[in-house]
């Protein structure tokens, strides 16, 4: 869910190695 919300907010897919803390 976090990765999906991030992608919606930023308009791009997060890199698969970005840590959860940085995504948050």
PDBML (XML) file of the C-alpha atoms, coordinates in Angstrom:
<?xml version="1.0" encoding="UTF-8" ?>
<PDBx:datablock datablockName="MODEL"
   xmlns:PDBx="http://pdbml.pdb.org/schema/pdbx-v50.xsd"
   xmlns:xsi="http://www.w3.org/2001/XMLSchema-instance"
   xsi:schemaLocation="http://pdbml.pdb.org/schema/pdbx-v50.xsd pdbx-v50.xsd">
   <PDBx:atom_siteCategory>
      <PDBx:atom_site id="1">
         <PDBx:B_iso_or_equiv>0.00</PDBx:B_iso_or_equiv>
         <PDBx:Cartn_x>0.000</PDBx:Cartn_x>
         <PDBx:Cartn_y>0.000</PDBx:Cartn_y>
         <PDBx:Cartn_z>0.000</PDBx:Cartn_z>
         <PDBx:auth_asym_id>A</PDBx:auth_asym_id>
         <PDBx:auth_atom_id>CA</PDBx:auth_atom_id>
         <PDBx:auth_comp_id>UNK</PDBx:auth_comp_id>
         <PDBx:auth_seq_id>1</PDBx:auth_seq_id>
         <PDBx:group_PDB>ATOM</PDBx:group_PDB>
         <PDBx:label_alt_id xsi:nil="true" />
         <PDBx:label_asym_id>A</PDBx:label_asym_id>
         <PDBx:label_atom_id>CA</PDBx:label_atom_id>
         <PDBx:label_comp_id>UNK</PDBx:label_comp_id>
         <PDBx:label_entity_id>1</PDBx:label_entity_id>
         <PDBx:label_seq_id>1</PDBx:label_seq_id>
         <PDBx:occupancy>1.00</PDBx:occupancy>
         <PDBx:pdbx_PDB_model_num>1</PDBx:pdbx_PDB_model_num>
         <PDBx:type_symbol>C</PDBx:type_symbol>
      </PDBx:atom_site>
      <PDBx:atom_site id="2">
         <PDBx:B_iso_or_equiv>0.00</PDBx:B_iso_or_equiv>
         <PDBx:Cartn_x>2.840</PDBx:Cartn_x>
         <PDBx:Cartn_y>2.350</PDBx:Cartn_y>
         <PDBx:Cartn_z>0.890</PDBx:Cartn_z>
         <PDBx:auth_asym_id>A</PDBx:auth_asym_id>
         <PDBx:auth_atom_id>CA</PDBx:auth_atom_id>
         <PDBx:auth_comp_id>UNK</PDBx:auth_comp_id>
         <PDBx:auth_seq_id>2</PDBx:auth_seq_id>
         <PDBx:group_PDB>ATOM</PDBx:group_PDB>
         <PDBx:label_alt_id xsi:nil="true" />
         <PDBx:label_asym_id>A</PDBx:label_asym_id>
         <PDBx:label_atom_id>CA</PDBx:label_atom_id>
         <PDBx:label_comp_id>UNK</PDBx:label_comp_id>
         <PDBx:label_entity_id>1</PDBx:label_entity_id>
         <PDBx:label_seq_id>2</PDBx:label_seq_id>
         <PDBx:occupancy>1.00</PDBx:occupancy>
         <PDBx:pdbx_PDB_model_num>1</PDBx:pdbx_PDB_model_num>
         <PDBx:type_symbol>C</PDBx:type_symbol>
      </PDBx:atom_site>
      <PDBx:atom_site id="3">
         <PDBx:B_iso_or_equiv>0.00</PDBx:B_iso_or_equiv>
         <PDBx:Cartn_x>4.520</PDBx:Cartn_x>
         <PDBx:Cartn_y>1.802</PDBx:Cartn_y>
         <PDBx:Cartn_z>-2.483</PDBx:Cartn_z>
         <PDBx:auth_asym_id>A</PDBx:auth_asym_id>
         <PDBx:auth_atom_id>CA</PDBx:auth_atom_id>
         <PDBx:auth_comp_id>UNK</PDBx:auth_comp_id>
         <PDBx:auth_seq_id>3</PDBx:auth_seq_id>
         <PDBx:group_PDB>ATOM</PDBx:group_PDB>
         <PDBx:label_alt_id xsi:nil="true" />
         <PDBx:label_asym_id>A</PDBx:label_asym_id>
         <PDBx:label_atom_id>CA</PDBx:label_atom_id>
         <PDBx:label_comp_id>UNK</PDBx:label_comp_id>
         <PDBx:label_entity_id>1</PDBx:label_entity_id>
         <PDBx:label_seq_id>3</PDBx:label_seq_id>
         <PDBx:occupancy>1.00</PDBx:occupancy>
         <PDBx:pdbx_PDB_model_num>1</PDBx:pdbx_PDB_model_num>
         <PDBx:type_symbol>C</PDBx:type_symbol>
      </PDBx:atom_site>
      <PDBx:atom_site id="4">
         <PDBx:B_iso_or_equiv>0.00</PDBx:B_iso_or_equiv>
         <PDBx:Cartn_x>1.188</PDBx:Cartn_x>
         <PDBx:Cartn_y>2.340</PDBx:Cartn_y>
         <PDBx:Cartn_z>-4.291</PDBx:Cartn_z>
         <PDBx:auth_asym_id>A</PDBx:auth_asym_id>
         <PDBx:auth_atom_id>CA</PDBx:auth_atom_id>
         <PDBx:auth_comp_id>UNK</PDBx:auth_comp_id>
         <PDBx:auth_seq_id>4</PDBx:auth_seq_id>
         <PDBx:group_PDB>ATOM</PDBx:group_PDB>
         <PDBx:label_alt_id xsi:nil="true" />
         <PDBx:label_asym_id>A</PDBx:label_asym_id>
         <PDBx:label_atom_id>CA</PDBx:label_atom_id>
         <PDBx:label_comp_id>UNK</PDBx:label_comp_id>
         <PDBx:label_entity_id>1</PDBx:label_entity_id>
         <PDBx:label_seq_id>4</PDBx:label_seq_id>
         <PDBx:occupancy>1.00</PDBx:occupancy>
         <PDBx:pdbx_PDB_model_num>1</PDBx:pdbx_PDB_model_num>
         <PDBx:type_symbol>C</PDBx:type_symbol>
      </PDBx:atom_site>
      <PDBx:atom_site id="5">
         <PDBx:B_iso_or_equiv>0.00</PDBx:B_iso_or_equiv>
         <PDBx:Cartn_x>0.439</PDBx:Cartn_x>
         <PDBx:Cartn_y>5.576</PDBx:Cartn_y>
         <PDBx:Cartn_z>-2.401</PDBx:Cartn_z>
         <PDBx:auth_asym_id>A</PDBx:auth_asym_id>
         <PDBx:auth_atom_id>CA</PDBx:auth_atom_id>
         <PDBx:auth_comp_id>UNK</PDBx:auth_comp_id>
         <PDBx:auth_seq_id>5</PDBx:auth_seq_id>
         <PDBx:group_PDB>ATOM</PDBx:group_PDB>
         <PDBx:label_alt_id xsi:nil="true" />
         <PDBx:label_asym_id>A</PDBx:label_asym_id>
         <PDBx:label_atom_id>CA</PDBx:label_atom_id>
         <PDBx:label_comp_id>UNK</PDBx:label_comp_id>
         <PDBx:label_entity_id>1</PDBx:label_entity_id>
         <PDBx:label_seq_id>5</PDBx:label_seq_id>
         <PDBx:occupancy>1.00</PDBx:occupancy>
         <PDBx:pdbx_PDB_model_num>1</PDBx:pdbx_PDB_model_num>
         <PDBx:type_symbol>C</PDBx:type_symbol>
      </PDBx:atom_site>
      <PDBx:atom_site id="6">
         <PDBx:B_iso_or_equiv>0.00</PDBx:B_iso_or_equiv>
         <PDBx:Cartn_x>3.991</PDBx:Cartn_x>
         <PDBx:Cartn_y>6.780</PDBx:Cartn_y>
         <PDBx:Cartn_z>-3.054</PDBx:Cartn_z>
         <PDBx:auth_asym_id>A</PDBx:auth_asym_id>
         <PDBx:auth_atom_id>CA</PDBx:auth_atom_id>
         <PDBx:auth_comp_id>UNK</PDBx:auth_comp_id>
         <PDBx:auth_seq_id>6</PDBx:auth_seq_id>
         <PDBx:group_PDB>ATOM</PDBx:group_PDB>
         <PDBx:label_alt_id xsi:nil="true" />
         <PDBx:label_asym_id>A</PDBx:label_asym_id>
         <PDBx:label_atom_id>CA</PDBx:label_atom_id>
         <PDBx:label_comp_id>UNK</PDBx:label_comp_id>
         <PDBx:label_entity_id>1</PDBx:label_entity_id>
         <PDBx:label_seq_id>6</PDBx:label_seq_id>
         <PDBx:occupancy>1.00</PDBx:occupancy>
         <PDBx:pdbx_PDB_model_num>1</PDBx:pdbx_PDB_model_num>
         <PDBx:type_symbol>C</PDBx:type_symbol>
      </PDBx:atom_site>
      <PDBx:atom_site id="7">
         <PDBx:B_iso_or_equiv>0.00</PDBx:B_iso_or_equiv>
         <PDBx:Cartn_x>3.612</PDBx:Cartn_x>
         <PDBx:Cartn_y>6.081</PDBx:Cartn_y>
         <PDBx:Cartn_z>-6.779</PDBx:Cartn_z>
         <PDBx:auth_asym_id>A</PDBx:auth_asym_id>
         <PDBx:auth_atom_id>CA</PDBx:auth_atom_id>
         <PDBx:auth_comp_id>UNK</PDBx:auth_comp_id>
         <PDBx:auth_seq_id>7</PDBx:auth_seq_id>
         <PDBx:group_PDB>ATOM</PDBx:group_PDB>
         <PDBx:label_alt_id xsi:nil="true" />
         <PDBx:label_asym_id>A</PDBx:label_asym_id>
         <PDBx:label_atom_id>CA</PDBx:label_atom_id>
         <PDBx:label_comp_id>UNK</PDBx:label_comp_id>
         <PDBx:label_entity_id>1</PDBx:label_entity_id>
         <PDBx:label_seq_id>7</PDBx:label_seq_id>
         <PDBx:occupancy>1.00</PDBx:occupancy>
         <PDBx:pdbx_PDB_model_num>1</PDBx:pdbx_PDB_model_num>
         <PDBx:type_symbol>C</PDBx:type_symbol>
      </PDBx:atom_site>
      <PDBx:atom_site id="8">
         <PDBx:B_iso_or_equiv>0.00</PDBx:B_iso_or_equiv>
         <PDBx:Cartn_x>0.315</PDBx:Cartn_x>
         <PDBx:Cartn_y>8.015</PDBx:Cartn_y>
         <PDBx:Cartn_z>-6.874</PDBx:Cartn_z>
         <PDBx:auth_asym_id>A</PDBx:auth_asym_id>
         <PDBx:auth_atom_id>CA</PDBx:auth_atom_id>
         <PDBx:auth_comp_id>UNK</PDBx:auth_comp_id>
         <PDBx:auth_seq_id>8</PDBx:auth_seq_id>
         <PDBx:group_PDB>ATOM</PDBx:group_PDB>
         <PDBx:label_alt_id xsi:nil="true" />
         <PDBx:label_asym_id>A</PDBx:label_asym_id>
         <PDBx:label_atom_id>CA</PDBx:label_atom_id>
         <PDBx:label_comp_id>UNK</PDBx:label_comp_id>
         <PDBx:label_entity_id>1</PDBx:label_entity_id>
         <PDBx:label_seq_id>8</PDBx:label_seq_id>
         <PDBx:occupancy>1.00</PDBx:occupancy>
         <PDBx:pdbx_PDB_model_num>1</PDBx:pdbx_PDB_model_num>
         <PDBx:type_symbol>C</PDBx:type_symbol>
      </PDBx:atom_site>
      <PDBx:atom_site id="9">
         <PDBx:B_iso_or_equiv>0.00</PDBx:B_iso_or_equiv>
         <PDBx:Cartn_x>1.748</PDBx:Cartn_x>
         <PDBx:Cartn_y>10.992</PDBx:Cartn_y>
         <PDBx:Cartn_z>-4.977</PDBx:Cartn_z>
         <PDBx:auth_asym_id>A</PDBx:auth_asym_id>
         <PDBx:auth_atom_id>CA</PDBx:auth_atom_id>
         <PDBx:auth_comp_id>UNK</PDBx:auth_comp_id>
         <PDBx:auth_seq_id>9</PDBx:auth_seq_id>
         <PDBx:group_PDB>ATOM</PDBx:group_PDB>
         <PDBx:label_alt_id xsi:nil="true" />
         <PDBx:label_asym_id>A</PDBx:label_asym_id>
         <PDBx:label_atom_id>CA</PDBx:label_atom_id>
         <PDBx:label_comp_id>UNK</PDBx:label_comp_id>
         <PDBx:label_entity_id>1</PDBx:label_entity_id>
         <PDBx:label_seq_id>9</PDBx:label_seq_id>
         <PDBx:occupancy>1.00</PDBx:occupancy>
         <PDBx:pdbx_PDB_model_num>1</PDBx:pdbx_PDB_model_num>
         <PDBx:type_symbol>C</PDBx:type_symbol>
      </PDBx:atom_site>
      <PDBx:atom_site id="10">
         <PDBx:B_iso_or_equiv>0.00</PDBx:B_iso_or_equiv>
         <PDBx:Cartn_x>4.993</PDBx:Cartn_x>
         <PDBx:Cartn_y>11.273</PDBx:Cartn_y>
         <PDBx:Cartn_z>-6.957</PDBx:Cartn_z>
         <PDBx:auth_asym_id>A</PDBx:auth_asym_id>
         <PDBx:auth_atom_id>CA</PDBx:auth_atom_id>
         <PDBx:auth_comp_id>UNK</PDBx:auth_comp_id>
         <PDBx:auth_seq_id>10</PDBx:auth_seq_id>
         <PDBx:group_PDB>ATOM</PDBx:group_PDB>
         <PDBx:label_alt_id xsi:nil="true" />
         <PDBx:label_asym_id>A</PDBx:label_asym_id>
         <PDBx:label_atom_id>CA</PDBx:label_atom_id>
         <PDBx:label_comp_id>UNK</PDBx:label_comp_id>
         <PDBx:label_entity_id>1</PDBx:label_entity_id>
         <PDBx:label_seq_id>10</PDBx:label_seq_id>
         <PDBx:occupancy>1.00</PDBx:occupancy>
         <PDBx:pdbx_PDB_model_num>1</PDBx:pdbx_PDB_model_num>
         <PDBx:type_symbol>C</PDBx:type_symbol>
      </PDBx:atom_site>
      <PDBx:atom_site id="11">
         <PDBx:B_iso_or_equiv>0.00</PDBx:B_iso_or_equiv>
         <PDBx:Cartn_x>3.706</PDBx:Cartn_x>
         <PDBx:Cartn_y>10.074</PDBx:Cartn_y>
         <PDBx:Cartn_z>-10.333</PDBx:Cartn_z>
         <PDBx:auth_asym_id>A</PDBx:auth_asym_id>
         <PDBx:auth_atom_id>CA</PDBx:auth_atom_id>
         <PDBx:auth_comp_id>UNK</PDBx:auth_comp_id>
         <PDBx:auth_seq_id>11</PDBx:auth_seq_id>
         <PDBx:group_PDB>ATOM</PDBx:group_PDB>
         <PDBx:label_alt_id xsi:nil="true" />
         <PDBx:label_asym_id>A</PDBx:label_asym_id>
         <PDBx:label_atom_id>CA</PDBx:label_atom_id>
         <PDBx:label_comp_id>UNK</PDBx:label_comp_id>
         <PDBx:label_entity_id>1</PDBx:label_entity_id>
         <PDBx:label_seq_id>11</PDBx:label_seq_id>
         <PDBx:occupancy>1.00</PDBx:occupancy>
         <PDBx:pdbx_PDB_model_num>1</PDBx:pdbx_PDB_model_num>
         <PDBx:type_symbol>C</PDBx:type_symbol>
      </PDBx:atom_site>
      <PDBx:atom_site id="12">
         <PDBx:B_iso_or_equiv>0.00</PDBx:B_iso_or_equiv>
         <PDBx:Cartn_x>6.419</PDBx:Cartn_x>
         <PDBx:Cartn_y>7.439</PDBx:Cartn_y>
         <PDBx:Cartn_z>-10.673</PDBx:Cartn_z>
         <PDBx:auth_asym_id>A</PDBx:auth_asym_id>
         <PDBx:auth_atom_id>CA</PDBx:auth_atom_id>
         <PDBx:auth_comp_id>UNK</PDBx:auth_comp_id>
         <PDBx:auth_seq_id>12</PDBx:auth_seq_id>
         <PDBx:group_PDB>ATOM</PDBx:group_PDB>
         <PDBx:label_alt_id xsi:nil="true" />
         <PDBx:label_asym_id>A</PDBx:label_asym_id>
         <PDBx:label_atom_id>CA</PDBx:label_atom_id>
         <PDBx:label_comp_id>UNK</PDBx:label_comp_id>
         <PDBx:label_entity_id>1</PDBx:label_entity_id>
         <PDBx:label_seq_id>12</PDBx:label_seq_id>
         <PDBx:occupancy>1.00</PDBx:occupancy>
         <PDBx:pdbx_PDB_model_num>1</PDBx:pdbx_PDB_model_num>
         <PDBx:type_symbol>C</PDBx:type_symbol>
      </PDBx:atom_site>
      <PDBx:atom_site id="13">
         <PDBx:B_iso_or_equiv>0.00</PDBx:B_iso_or_equiv>
         <PDBx:Cartn_x>7.194</PDBx:Cartn_x>
         <PDBx:Cartn_y>3.989</PDBx:Cartn_y>
         <PDBx:Cartn_z>-9.321</PDBx:Cartn_z>
         <PDBx:auth_asym_id>A</PDBx:auth_asym_id>
         <PDBx:auth_atom_id>CA</PDBx:auth_atom_id>
         <PDBx:auth_comp_id>UNK</PDBx:auth_comp_id>
         <PDBx:auth_seq_id>13</PDBx:auth_seq_id>
         <PDBx:group_PDB>ATOM</PDBx:group_PDB>
         <PDBx:label_alt_id xsi:nil="true" />
         <PDBx:label_asym_id>A</PDBx:label_asym_id>
         <PDBx:label_atom_id>CA</PDBx:label_atom_id>
         <PDBx:label_comp_id>UNK</PDBx:label_comp_id>
         <PDBx:label_entity_id>1</PDBx:label_entity_id>
         <PDBx:label_seq_id>13</PDBx:label_seq_id>
         <PDBx:occupancy>1.00</PDBx:occupancy>
         <PDBx:pdbx_PDB_model_num>1</PDBx:pdbx_PDB_model_num>
         <PDBx:type_symbol>C</PDBx:type_symbol>
      </PDBx:atom_site>
      <PDBx:atom_site id="14">
         <PDBx:B_iso_or_equiv>0.00</PDBx:B_iso_or_equiv>
         <PDBx:Cartn_x>9.510</PDBx:Cartn_x>
         <PDBx:Cartn_y>3.871</PDBx:Cartn_y>
         <PDBx:Cartn_z>-6.314</PDBx:Cartn_z>
         <PDBx:auth_asym_id>A</PDBx:auth_asym_id>
         <PDBx:auth_atom_id>CA</PDBx:auth_atom_id>
         <PDBx:auth_comp_id>UNK</PDBx:auth_comp_id>
         <PDBx:auth_seq_id>14</PDBx:auth_seq_id>
         <PDBx:group_PDB>ATOM</PDBx:group_PDB>
         <PDBx:label_alt_id xsi:nil="true" />
         <PDBx:label_asym_id>A</PDBx:label_asym_id>
         <PDBx:label_atom_id>CA</PDBx:label_atom_id>
         <PDBx:label_comp_id>UNK</PDBx:label_comp_id>
         <PDBx:label_entity_id>1</PDBx:label_entity_id>
         <PDBx:label_seq_id>14</PDBx:label_seq_id>
         <PDBx:occupancy>1.00</PDBx:occupancy>
         <PDBx:pdbx_PDB_model_num>1</PDBx:pdbx_PDB_model_num>
         <PDBx:type_symbol>C</PDBx:type_symbol>
      </PDBx:atom_site>
      <PDBx:atom_site id="15">
         <PDBx:B_iso_or_equiv>0.00</PDBx:B_iso_or_equiv>
         <PDBx:Cartn_x>12.791</PDBx:Cartn_x>
         <PDBx:Cartn_y>2.030</PDBx:Cartn_y>
         <PDBx:Cartn_z>-6.883</PDBx:Cartn_z>
         <PDBx:auth_asym_id>A</PDBx:auth_asym_id>
         <PDBx:auth_atom_id>CA</PDBx:auth_atom_id>
         <PDBx:auth_comp_id>UNK</PDBx:auth_comp_id>
         <PDBx:auth_seq_id>15</PDBx:auth_seq_id>
         <PDBx:group_PDB>ATOM</PDBx:group_PDB>
         <PDBx:label_alt_id xsi:nil="true" />
         <PDBx:label_asym_id>A</PDBx:label_asym_id>
         <PDBx:label_atom_id>CA</PDBx:label_atom_id>
         <PDBx:label_comp_id>UNK</PDBx:label_comp_id>
         <PDBx:label_entity_id>1</PDBx:label_entity_id>
         <PDBx:label_seq_id>15</PDBx:label_seq_id>
         <PDBx:occupancy>1.00</PDBx:occupancy>
         <PDBx:pdbx_PDB_model_num>1</PDBx:pdbx_PDB_model_num>
         <PDBx:type_symbol>C</PDBx:type_symbol>
      </PDBx:atom_site>
      <PDBx:atom_site id="16">
         <PDBx:B_iso_or_equiv>0.00</PDBx:B_iso_or_equiv>
         <PDBx:Cartn_x>12.521</PDBx:Cartn_x>
         <PDBx:Cartn_y>-1.476</PDBx:Cartn_y>
         <PDBx:Cartn_z>-5.459</PDBx:Cartn_z>
         <PDBx:auth_asym_id>A</PDBx:auth_asym_id>
         <PDBx:auth_atom_id>CA</PDBx:auth_atom_id>
         <PDBx:auth_comp_id>UNK</PDBx:auth_comp_id>
         <PDBx:auth_seq_id>16</PDBx:auth_seq_id>
         <PDBx:group_PDB>ATOM</PDBx:group_PDB>
         <PDBx:label_alt_id xsi:nil="true" />
         <PDBx:label_asym_id>A</PDBx:label_asym_id>
         <PDBx:label_atom_id>CA</PDBx:label_atom_id>
         <PDBx:label_comp_id>UNK</PDBx:label_comp_id>
         <PDBx:label_entity_id>1</PDBx:label_entity_id>
         <PDBx:label_seq_id>16</PDBx:label_seq_id>
         <PDBx:occupancy>1.00</PDBx:occupancy>
         <PDBx:pdbx_PDB_model_num>1</PDBx:pdbx_PDB_model_num>
         <PDBx:type_symbol>C</PDBx:type_symbol>
      </PDBx:atom_site>
      <PDBx:atom_site id="17">
         <PDBx:B_iso_or_equiv>0.00</PDBx:B_iso_or_equiv>
         <PDBx:Cartn_x>15.491</PDBx:Cartn_x>
         <PDBx:Cartn_y>-0.933</PDBx:Cartn_y>
         <PDBx:Cartn_z>-3.136</PDBx:Cartn_z>
         <PDBx:auth_asym_id>A</PDBx:auth_asym_id>
         <PDBx:auth_atom_id>CA</PDBx:auth_atom_id>
         <PDBx:auth_comp_id>UNK</PDBx:auth_comp_id>
         <PDBx:auth_seq_id>17</PDBx:auth_seq_id>
         <PDBx:group_PDB>ATOM</PDBx:group_PDB>
         <PDBx:label_alt_id xsi:nil="true" />
         <PDBx:label_asym_id>A</PDBx:label_asym_id>
         <PDBx:label_atom_id>CA</PDBx:label_atom_id>
         <PDBx:label_comp_id>UNK</PDBx:label_comp_id>
         <PDBx:label_entity_id>1</PDBx:label_entity_id>
         <PDBx:label_seq_id>17</PDBx:label_seq_id>
         <PDBx:occupancy>1.00</PDBx:occupancy>
         <PDBx:pdbx_PDB_model_num>1</PDBx:pdbx_PDB_model_num>
         <PDBx:type_symbol>C</PDBx:type_symbol>
      </PDBx:atom_site>
      <PDBx:atom_site id="18">
         <PDBx:B_iso_or_equiv>0.00</PDBx:B_iso_or_equiv>
         <PDBx:Cartn_x>14.232</PDBx:Cartn_x>
         <PDBx:Cartn_y>2.255</PDBx:Cartn_y>
         <PDBx:Cartn_z>-1.450</PDBx:Cartn_z>
         <PDBx:auth_asym_id>A</PDBx:auth_asym_id>
         <PDBx:auth_atom_id>CA</PDBx:auth_atom_id>
         <PDBx:auth_comp_id>UNK</PDBx:auth_comp_id>
         <PDBx:auth_seq_id>18</PDBx:auth_seq_id>
         <PDBx:group_PDB>ATOM</PDBx:group_PDB>
         <PDBx:label_alt_id xsi:nil="true" />
         <PDBx:label_asym_id>A</PDBx:label_asym_id>
         <PDBx:label_atom_id>CA</PDBx:label_atom_id>
         <PDBx:label_comp_id>UNK</PDBx:label_comp_id>
         <PDBx:label_entity_id>1</PDBx:label_entity_id>
         <PDBx:label_seq_id>18</PDBx:label_seq_id>
         <PDBx:occupancy>1.00</PDBx:occupancy>
         <PDBx:pdbx_PDB_model_num>1</PDBx:pdbx_PDB_model_num>
         <PDBx:type_symbol>C</PDBx:type_symbol>
      </PDBx:atom_site>
      <PDBx:atom_site id="19">
         <PDBx:B_iso_or_equiv>0.00</PDBx:B_iso_or_equiv>
         <PDBx:Cartn_x>13.886</PDBx:Cartn_x>
         <PDBx:Cartn_y>1.480</PDBx:Cartn_y>
         <PDBx:Cartn_z>2.244</PDBx:Cartn_z>
         <PDBx:auth_asym_id>A</PDBx:auth_asym_id>
         <PDBx:auth_atom_id>CA</PDBx:auth_atom_id>
         <PDBx:auth_comp_id>UNK</PDBx:auth_comp_id>
         <PDBx:auth_seq_id>19</PDBx:auth_seq_id>
         <PDBx:group_PDB>ATOM</PDBx:group_PDB>
         <PDBx:label_alt_id xsi:nil="true" />
         <PDBx:label_asym_id>A</PDBx:label_asym_id>
         <PDBx:label_atom_id>CA</PDBx:label_atom_id>
         <PDBx:label_comp_id>UNK</PDBx:label_comp_id>
         <PDBx:label_entity_id>1</PDBx:label_entity_id>
         <PDBx:label_seq_id>19</PDBx:label_seq_id>
         <PDBx:occupancy>1.00</PDBx:occupancy>
         <PDBx:pdbx_PDB_model_num>1</PDBx:pdbx_PDB_model_num>
         <PDBx:type_symbol>C</PDBx:type_symbol>
      </PDBx:atom_site>
      <PDBx:atom_site id="20">
         <PDBx:B_iso_or_equiv>0.00</PDBx:B_iso_or_equiv>
         <PDBx:Cartn_x>10.513</PDBx:Cartn_x>
         <PDBx:Cartn_y>1.703</PDBx:Cartn_y>
         <PDBx:Cartn_z>3.951</PDBx:Cartn_z>
         <PDBx:auth_asym_id>A</PDBx:auth_asym_id>
         <PDBx:auth_atom_id>CA</PDBx:auth_atom_id>
         <PDBx:auth_comp_id>UNK</PDBx:auth_comp_id>
         <PDBx:auth_seq_id>20</PDBx:auth_seq_id>
         <PDBx:group_PDB>ATOM</PDBx:group_PDB>
         <PDBx:label_alt_id xsi:nil="true" />
         <PDBx:label_asym_id>A</PDBx:label_asym_id>
         <PDBx:label_atom_id>CA</PDBx:label_atom_id>
         <PDBx:label_comp_id>UNK</PDBx:label_comp_id>
         <PDBx:label_entity_id>1</PDBx:label_entity_id>
         <PDBx:label_seq_id>20</PDBx:label_seq_id>
         <PDBx:occupancy>1.00</PDBx:occupancy>
         <PDBx:pdbx_PDB_model_num>1</PDBx:pdbx_PDB_model_num>
         <PDBx:type_symbol>C</PDBx:type_symbol>
      </PDBx:atom_site>
      <PDBx:atom_site id="21">
         <PDBx:B_iso_or_equiv>0.00</PDBx:B_iso_or_equiv>
         <PDBx:Cartn_x>11.706</PDBx:Cartn_x>
         <PDBx:Cartn_y>4.545</PDBx:Cartn_y>
         <PDBx:Cartn_z>6.198</PDBx:Cartn_z>
         <PDBx:auth_asym_id>A</PDBx:auth_asym_id>
         <PDBx:auth_atom_id>CA</PDBx:auth_atom_id>
         <PDBx:auth_comp_id>UNK</PDBx:auth_comp_id>
         <PDBx:auth_seq_id>21</PDBx:auth_seq_id>
         <PDBx:group_PDB>ATOM</PDBx:group_PDB>
         <PDBx:label_alt_id xsi:nil="true" />
         <PDBx:label_asym_id>A</PDBx:label_asym_id>
         <PDBx:label_atom_id>CA</PDBx:label_atom_id>
         <PDBx:label_comp_id>UNK</PDBx:label_comp_id>
         <PDBx:label_entity_id>1</PDBx:label_entity_id>
         <PDBx:label_seq_id>21</PDBx:label_seq_id>
         <PDBx:occupancy>1.00</PDBx:occupancy>
         <PDBx:pdbx_PDB_model_num>1</PDBx:pdbx_PDB_model_num>
         <PDBx:type_symbol>C</PDBx:type_symbol>
      </PDBx:atom_site>
      <PDBx:atom_site id="22">
         <PDBx:B_iso_or_equiv>0.00</PDBx:B_iso_or_equiv>
         <PDBx:Cartn_x>12.667</PDBx:Cartn_x>
         <PDBx:Cartn_y>6.658</PDBx:Cartn_y>
         <PDBx:Cartn_z>3.180</PDBx:Cartn_z>
         <PDBx:auth_asym_id>A</PDBx:auth_asym_id>
         <PDBx:auth_atom_id>CA</PDBx:auth_atom_id>
         <PDBx:auth_comp_id>UNK</PDBx:auth_comp_id>
         <PDBx:auth_seq_id>22</PDBx:auth_seq_id>
         <PDBx:group_PDB>ATOM</PDBx:group_PDB>
         <PDBx:label_alt_id xsi:nil="true" />
         <PDBx:label_asym_id>A</PDBx:label_asym_id>
         <PDBx:label_atom_id>CA</PDBx:label_atom_id>
         <PDBx:label_comp_id>UNK</PDBx:label_comp_id>
         <PDBx:label_entity_id>1</PDBx:label_entity_id>
         <PDBx:label_seq_id>22</PDBx:label_seq_id>
         <PDBx:occupancy>1.00</PDBx:occupancy>
         <PDBx:pdbx_PDB_model_num>1</PDBx:pdbx_PDB_model_num>
         <PDBx:type_symbol>C</PDBx:type_symbol>
      </PDBx:atom_site>
      <PDBx:atom_site id="23">
         <PDBx:B_iso_or_equiv>0.00</PDBx:B_iso_or_equiv>
         <PDBx:Cartn_x>9.372</PDBx:Cartn_x>
         <PDBx:Cartn_y>5.885</PDBx:Cartn_y>
         <PDBx:Cartn_z>1.422</PDBx:Cartn_z>
         <PDBx:auth_asym_id>A</PDBx:auth_asym_id>
         <PDBx:auth_atom_id>CA</PDBx:auth_atom_id>
         <PDBx:auth_comp_id>UNK</PDBx:auth_comp_id>
         <PDBx:auth_seq_id>23</PDBx:auth_seq_id>
         <PDBx:group_PDB>ATOM</PDBx:group_PDB>
         <PDBx:label_alt_id xsi:nil="true" />
         <PDBx:label_asym_id>A</PDBx:label_asym_id>
         <PDBx:label_atom_id>CA</PDBx:label_atom_id>
         <PDBx:label_comp_id>UNK</PDBx:label_comp_id>
         <PDBx:label_entity_id>1</PDBx:label_entity_id>
         <PDBx:label_seq_id>23</PDBx:label_seq_id>
         <PDBx:occupancy>1.00</PDBx:occupancy>
         <PDBx:pdbx_PDB_model_num>1</PDBx:pdbx_PDB_model_num>
         <PDBx:type_symbol>C</PDBx:type_symbol>
      </PDBx:atom_site>
      <PDBx:atom_site id="24">
         <PDBx:B_iso_or_equiv>0.00</PDBx:B_iso_or_equiv>
         <PDBx:Cartn_x>7.457</PDBx:Cartn_x>
         <PDBx:Cartn_y>6.946</PDBx:Cartn_y>
         <PDBx:Cartn_z>4.545</PDBx:Cartn_z>
         <PDBx:auth_asym_id>A</PDBx:auth_asym_id>
         <PDBx:auth_atom_id>CA</PDBx:auth_atom_id>
         <PDBx:auth_comp_id>UNK</PDBx:auth_comp_id>
         <PDBx:auth_seq_id>24</PDBx:auth_seq_id>
         <PDBx:group_PDB>ATOM</PDBx:group_PDB>
         <PDBx:label_alt_id xsi:nil="true" />
         <PDBx:label_asym_id>A</PDBx:label_asym_id>
         <PDBx:label_atom_id>CA</PDBx:label_atom_id>
         <PDBx:label_comp_id>UNK</PDBx:label_comp_id>
         <PDBx:label_entity_id>1</PDBx:label_entity_id>
         <PDBx:label_seq_id>24</PDBx:label_seq_id>
         <PDBx:occupancy>1.00</PDBx:occupancy>
         <PDBx:pdbx_PDB_model_num>1</PDBx:pdbx_PDB_model_num>
         <PDBx:type_symbol>C</PDBx:type_symbol>
      </PDBx:atom_site>
   </PDBx:atom_siteCategory>
</PDBx:datablock>
